[in-house]
């Protein structure tokens, strides 16, 4: 199917839905690297105009990545809920945008959006996001509501959780304990205390899991822990009786990209079943922690779609959410600026991508979080991250990631600090997860409104963490 659109006397032709979607995408360096971006703002506008007139039902027939050769496409199509889709089946992409904006101002907006979510494919959602302004993405995402639970409840309205990320270059337990103490004293860790290990060694992973579980039990913290080793490593540790709360895996939007991560849909389903079988949760049984990021398929050379054409990185990112939602994860976040300026060049592109990813994830029924981050060679700085954090707080993000001093010394990138989490909670009157907030209040670390109180660290019962006792 070819599409044409005339703008100011110039006619632009788009060779199929893959080409049209790519050309309609707001400018980003990754699509330019892949050779699929619009050549000019005029062509981009023409593509967006044409995309707005495409019927949503077209995405069920004109597949971006072939059904026969890609298990993610098969998963998306085979699990599509046509009954839920019926209410919006008559709409175009532009009409669906209008439907979302109209329904986002209704009192029952969350219920109405949740009702159609199973009928949406990732490509429908990605296409709609491409013709929306930032304020549209924020308004609609803020009107949607998605929750998950394990020992804390994630995604409740008026709350924003945090992943406490105490990474250390050598996995030194003392360094990890000190960073954990720092984060806990500032009210972080209610989404997860999650460590990126320096190696994928099963022995090292097991040691870290025992360390985190000891902290949880010693201080009776309603929290979940995760060591972000490969999912097969964690499944093996479950079989050995190691205390595993959440199972982590990076995922992408094509079968070949996931193959580069060493995973398949079947493996992820088996991991989910293994985690749930432990029954370690207290308020829920969501056990998967998934991470994604725009550009991951392109960086793996796994970004080609129908007709051998490159698929834009935002559409492929949203397809990863199609995989994620069948696993019903506790947590999923896009690591939005982690790969580098080759994929998201500057602060403006990172901010836009973060809002797109959050919108698309929530619309597909995921408790969506964001690692608000950038690499040091990107044209971005901490002011850009402040802006994105604030916008995500307004948009109802389920959680964000925080590291000591906003500088991950192990992974070598810039994220948010524990202080940044305090800022967004205070500025927007947001609270921690309720179970975690109750624990903070019980220890005298937070007031009745969930606001963190100034304390002398040496007087806290948690001080023994850093003291090695």
Foldseek 3Di string as FASTA:
>chain_A
DKDWFDDPRDIDIADAPLLLLQQLADDALQSVVQVRYHPDVRSNVRSLVRQQQAFQVVCLPRPFFDPVPWVLVVLQNVQADVVLCVVRRGHGLNRVLVVLVVLLPDPCSQVNLVSNLSNHGLLSLSSNLSNDDLVSLLSSLLSHFFWAFFLFIWGDPQAAAEAQEQEDQALPLLSSLVSVLVLVLLPHQALEPEYAHNDLDLVSQLVVLVSVVCLCVVLVFSHAYYYAHDQVSVLVVLVVVRDHQAGEAEDWQTQQLVVVSVDDLVSLLVSLVSNQVVSNGDPHRAHYEYEYEFCSCVVSVNQARPPRRGGHRLSGRSSRLSSVVVSQHNEYEYAYAQVASSGGAALVSSLSSRSSNSSSNSSNRHLYEYFLWHAPPHHYDVVSSLVSVLSVLSSRRRYYYAGDPQADPNSRIGTHHSVSVLVNCVVVVGAHGPSNLVSCVVQVQADPSRHGDDDDSVPGPSVCSSVVD
